[in-house]
Each structure stands twice: as C-alpha cells, then as structure tokens.
Amino acid sequence: MNGIGSRIREERERLGLTQRVFGDIGGVEPNAQGKYESGERTPKADYLAAVAARGVDALYVLSGVSTPMAVADLNTDEEVLLGCYRNLPQADQEAVRQLLRSLGGATPRALGGSAAY
C-alpha cells in the first residue's frame, strides 16, 4: 500500500499511538482513522492540522517528502555527528547508513528517505 494512507499509518506508528488515540487527536472515529490508513478515505485539512500539532509530519503525509529539520534544532551531539558524517567518503557514509539500519531497524524515511537505502 502506497500513498497518504500508508504514510498516515507510518506516522501513527512512529509516534507509538493506536488508531483510536490517533483518531481522537484528529477528531475522527476509529473507523474513519482505519479508512484513512487503508486509503478508502482522504483526511480533511482540520484532521491533518490536528495531528500535525501532535508531531505528525504533514508534508510527508501529503507528499511523501519529509519536512527538513532546521539546523538550529540540532543539539550539540547531533551537530558533531553530522559534521563527522559529512566529512566521510561516500563509501563510508553508506557503511554508516547500513550500520544504523541494522542496529535500529530504521526505515528509509528515518535515514533520509533516499531510494538508495
């Protein structure tokens, strides 16, 4: 399953919420939440605004493109890690990505969303 429904489910699962709780956040019944996730129905803007206020990446849900994280939002450790990563040769960067996928069971989206993952 591709599209908005699968991305809604992915975001709900990323946040560790049940369909019932997620539906409550979005102001819909659990059956509507299920229909959104299955692709039977498309959510309205007020639903997306409500779930976005609780941490859902609405741009990702709508387009499949993650909202970029502002550099100002990185903590010191993240800045150091990112700087080290960027200084690595391409082959070593791929090795780091593979290691992170192995350790964390990360999805391609969690590691940048590239088709190369």
C-alpha atoms as a PDB file:
ATOM      1  CA  MET A   1       0.000   0.000   0.000  1.00  0.00           C
ATOM      2  CA  ASN A   2       1.376   3.385  -1.016  1.00  0.00           C
ATOM      3  CA  GLY A   3       0.087   6.897  -0.672  1.00  0.00           C
ATOM      4  CA  ILE A   4      -1.373   9.072   2.023  1.00  0.00           C
ATOM      5  CA  GLY A   5      -2.944   6.168   3.912  1.00  0.00           C
ATOM      6  CA  SER A   6       0.281   4.257   4.377  1.00  0.00           C
ATOM      7  CA  ARG A   7       2.109   7.437   5.385  1.00  0.00           C
ATOM      8  CA  ILE A   8      -0.577   8.243   7.985  1.00  0.00           C
ATOM      9  CA  ARG A   9      -0.136   4.753   9.410  1.00  0.00           C
ATOM     10  CA  GLU A  10       3.648   5.133   9.374  1.00  0.00           C
ATOM     11  CA  GLU A  11       3.448   8.425  11.271  1.00  0.00           C
ATOM     12  CA  ARG A  12       0.966   6.973  13.786  1.00  0.00           C
ATOM     13  CA  GLU A  13       3.241   4.003  14.410  1.00  0.00           C
ATOM     14  CA  ARG A  14       6.311   6.260  14.634  1.00  0.00           C
ATOM     15  CA  LEU A  15       4.546   8.140  17.431  1.00  0.00           C
ATOM     16  CA  GLY A  16       3.541   4.863  19.108  1.00  0.00           C
ATOM     17  CA  LEU A  17      -0.200   5.570  19.049  1.00  0.00           C
ATOM     18  CA  THR A  18      -3.196   3.333  18.494  1.00  0.00           C
ATOM     19  CA  GLN A  19      -5.746   4.072  15.794  1.00  0.00           C
ATOM     20  CA  ARG A  20      -8.244   5.047  18.490  1.00  0.00           C
ATOM     21  CA  VAL A  21      -5.916   7.574  20.143  1.00  0.00           C
ATOM     22  CA  PHE A  22      -4.709   8.924  16.816  1.00  0.00           C
ATOM     23  CA  GLY A  23      -8.294   9.301  15.611  1.00  0.00           C
ATOM     24  CA  ASP A  24      -9.181  11.139  18.817  1.00  0.00           C
ATOM     25  CA  ILE A  25      -6.305  13.543  18.212  1.00  0.00           C
ATOM     26  CA  GLY A  26      -7.553  14.144  14.671  1.00  0.00           C
ATOM     27  CA  GLY A  27     -11.162  14.445  15.814  1.00  0.00           C
ATOM     28  CA  VAL A  28     -12.439  11.359  13.980  1.00  0.00           C
ATOM     29  CA  GLU A  29     -13.890   7.996  14.987  1.00  0.00           C
ATOM     30  CA  PRO A  30     -11.631   4.914  14.940  1.00  0.00           C
ATOM     31  CA  ASN A  31     -13.405   3.559  11.842  1.00  0.00           C
ATOM     32  CA  ALA A  32     -12.605   6.784   9.961  1.00  0.00           C
ATOM     33  CA  GLN A  33      -8.988   6.511  11.087  1.00  0.00           C
ATOM     34  CA  GLY A  34      -8.882   2.974   9.709  1.00  0.00           C
ATOM     35  CA  LYS A  35     -10.338   4.145   6.407  1.00  0.00           C
ATOM     36  CA  TYR A  36      -7.722   6.902   6.168  1.00  0.00           C
ATOM     37  CA  GLU A  37      -4.956   4.375   6.725  1.00  0.00           C
ATOM     38  CA  SER A  38      -6.395   1.896   4.225  1.00  0.00           C
ATOM     39  CA  GLY A  39      -6.764   4.621   1.602  1.00  0.00           C
ATOM     40  CA  GLU A  40     -10.555   4.291   1.426  1.00  0.00           C
ATOM     41  CA  ARG A  41     -10.982   7.906   2.519  1.00  0.00           C
ATOM     42  CA  THR A  42      -8.825  11.019   2.381  1.00  0.00           C
ATOM     43  CA  PRO A  43      -8.490  13.158   5.508  1.00  0.00           C
ATOM     44  CA  LYS A  44      -9.557  16.778   5.593  1.00  0.00           C
ATOM     45  CA  ALA A  45      -7.317  19.710   6.416  1.00  0.00           C
ATOM     46  CA  ASP A  46      -8.581  20.088  10.002  1.00  0.00           C
ATOM     47  CA  TYR A  47      -7.627  16.458  10.746  1.00  0.00           C
ATOM     48  CA  LEU A  48      -4.147  16.986   9.279  1.00  0.00           C
ATOM     49  CA  ALA A  49      -3.707  20.210  11.230  1.00  0.00           C
ATOM     50  CA  ALA A  50      -4.688  18.486  14.479  1.00  0.00           C
ATOM     51  CA  VAL A  51      -2.333  15.523  14.040  1.00  0.00           C
ATOM     52  CA  ALA A  52       0.458  17.826  12.845  1.00  0.00           C
ATOM     53  CA  ALA A  53       0.119  19.766  16.100  1.00  0.00           C
ATOM     54  CA  ARG A  54       0.927  16.480  17.891  1.00  0.00           C
ATOM     55  CA  GLY A  55       4.088  15.742  15.914  1.00  0.00           C
ATOM     56  CA  VAL A  56       2.979  14.311  12.574  1.00  0.00           C
ATOM     57  CA  ASP A  57       4.973  15.485   9.564  1.00  0.00           C
ATOM     58  CA  ALA A  58       2.035  16.702   7.457  1.00  0.00           C
ATOM     59  CA  LEU A  59       4.246  17.483   4.460  1.00  0.00           C
ATOM     60  CA  TYR A  60       5.430  13.865   4.479  1.00  0.00           C
ATOM     61  CA  VAL A  61       1.853  12.543   4.797  1.00  0.00           C
ATOM     62  CA  LEU A  62       0.686  14.624   1.840  1.00  0.00           C
ATOM     63  CA  SER A  63       3.671  14.387  -0.479  1.00  0.00           C
ATOM     64  CA  GLY A  64       5.999  11.650   0.695  1.00  0.00           C
ATOM     65  CA  VAL A  65       8.738  14.279   1.208  1.00  0.00           C
ATOM     66  CA  SER A  66       9.912  14.806   4.780  1.00  0.00           C
ATOM     67  CA  THR A  67       9.976  18.260   6.266  1.00  0.00           C
ATOM     68  CA  PRO A  68      13.646  19.170   6.608  1.00  0.00           C
ATOM     69  CA  MET A  69      14.920  19.601  10.144  1.00  0.00           C
ATOM     70  CA  ALA A  70      16.263  23.074  10.829  1.00  0.00           C
ATOM     71  CA  VAL A  71      19.952  23.080  11.670  1.00  0.00           C
ATOM     72  CA  ALA A  72      19.099  25.272  14.653  1.00  0.00           C
ATOM     73  CA  ASP A  73      17.081  22.345  16.065  1.00  0.00           C
ATOM     74  CA  LEU A  74      20.131  20.064  16.301  1.00  0.00           C
ATOM     75  CA  ASN A  75      21.706  19.562  19.702  1.00  0.00           C
ATOM     76  CA  THR A  76      25.488  19.685  20.140  1.00  0.00           C
ATOM     77  CA  ASP A  77      25.964  15.910  19.841  1.00  0.00           C
ATOM     78  CA  GLU A  78      23.881  15.836  16.640  1.00  0.00           C
ATOM     79  CA  GLU A  79      25.917  18.685  15.157  1.00  0.00           C
ATOM     80  CA  VAL A  80      29.175  16.855  15.882  1.00  0.00           C
ATOM     81  CA  LEU A  81      27.879  13.575  14.447  1.00  0.00           C
ATOM     82  CA  LEU A  82      26.554  15.262  11.331  1.00  0.00           C
ATOM     83  CA  GLY A  83      29.838  17.085  10.794  1.00  0.00           C
ATOM     84  CA  CYS A  84      31.805  13.850  11.123  1.00  0.00           C
ATOM     85  CA  TYR A  85      29.423  12.032   8.793  1.00  0.00           C
ATOM     86  CA  ARG A  86      29.674  14.724   6.138  1.00  0.00           C
ATOM     87  CA  ASN A  87      33.480  14.508   6.221  1.00  0.00           C
ATOM     88  CA  LEU A  88      33.431  10.775   5.442  1.00  0.00           C
ATOM     89  CA  PRO A  89      33.987   9.461   1.925  1.00  0.00           C
ATOM     90  CA  GLN A  90      30.775   8.334   0.160  1.00  0.00           C
ATOM     91  CA  ALA A  91      31.513   4.623   0.694  1.00  0.00           C
ATOM     92  CA  ASP A  92      31.978   5.174   4.419  1.00  0.00           C
ATOM     93  CA  GLN A  93      28.743   7.170   4.617  1.00  0.00           C
ATOM     94  CA  GLU A  94      26.934   4.189   3.078  1.00  0.00           C
ATOM     95  CA  ALA A  95      28.577   1.889   5.628  1.00  0.00           C
ATOM     96  CA  VAL A  96      27.322   4.127   8.456  1.00  0.00           C
ATOM     97  CA  ARG A  97      23.795   4.110   6.996  1.00  0.00           C
ATOM     98  CA  GLN A  98      23.895   0.304   6.726  1.00  0.00           C
ATOM     99  CA  LEU A  99      25.070   0.015  10.324  1.00  0.00           C
ATOM    100  CA  LEU A 100      22.267   2.290  11.523  1.00  0.00           C
ATOM    101  CA  ARG A 101      19.684   0.293   9.569  1.00  0.00           C
ATOM    102  CA  SER A 102      20.999  -2.912  11.134  1.00  0.00           C
ATOM    103  CA  LEU A 103      21.056  -1.553  14.666  1.00  0.00           C
ATOM    104  CA  GLY A 104      17.785   0.299  14.663  1.00  0.00           C
ATOM    105  CA  GLY A 105      15.621  -1.391  12.082  1.00  0.00           C
ATOM    106  CA  ALA A 106      15.280   2.059  10.560  1.00  0.00           C
ATOM    107  CA  THR A 107      13.008   2.740   7.628  1.00  0.00           C
ATOM    108  CA  PRO A 108      14.381   4.519   4.563  1.00  0.00           C
ATOM    109  CA  ARG A 109      12.452   7.638   5.643  1.00  0.00           C
ATOM    110  CA  ALA A 110      14.200   7.641   9.005  1.00  0.00           C
ATOM    111  CA  LEU A 111      17.553   7.651   7.229  1.00  0.00           C
ATOM    112  CA  GLY A 112      16.785  10.364   4.743  1.00  0.00           C
ATOM    113  CA  GLY A 113      14.145   8.822   2.506  1.00  0.00           C
ATOM    114  CA  SER A 114      16.520   8.112  -0.353  1.00  0.00           C
ATOM    115  CA  ALA A 115      15.709   5.288  -2.747  1.00  0.00           C
ATOM    116  CA  ALA A 116      19.345   4.230  -2.321  1.00  0.00           C
ATOM    117  CA  TYR A 117      18.533   2.771   1.084  1.00  0.00           C
END
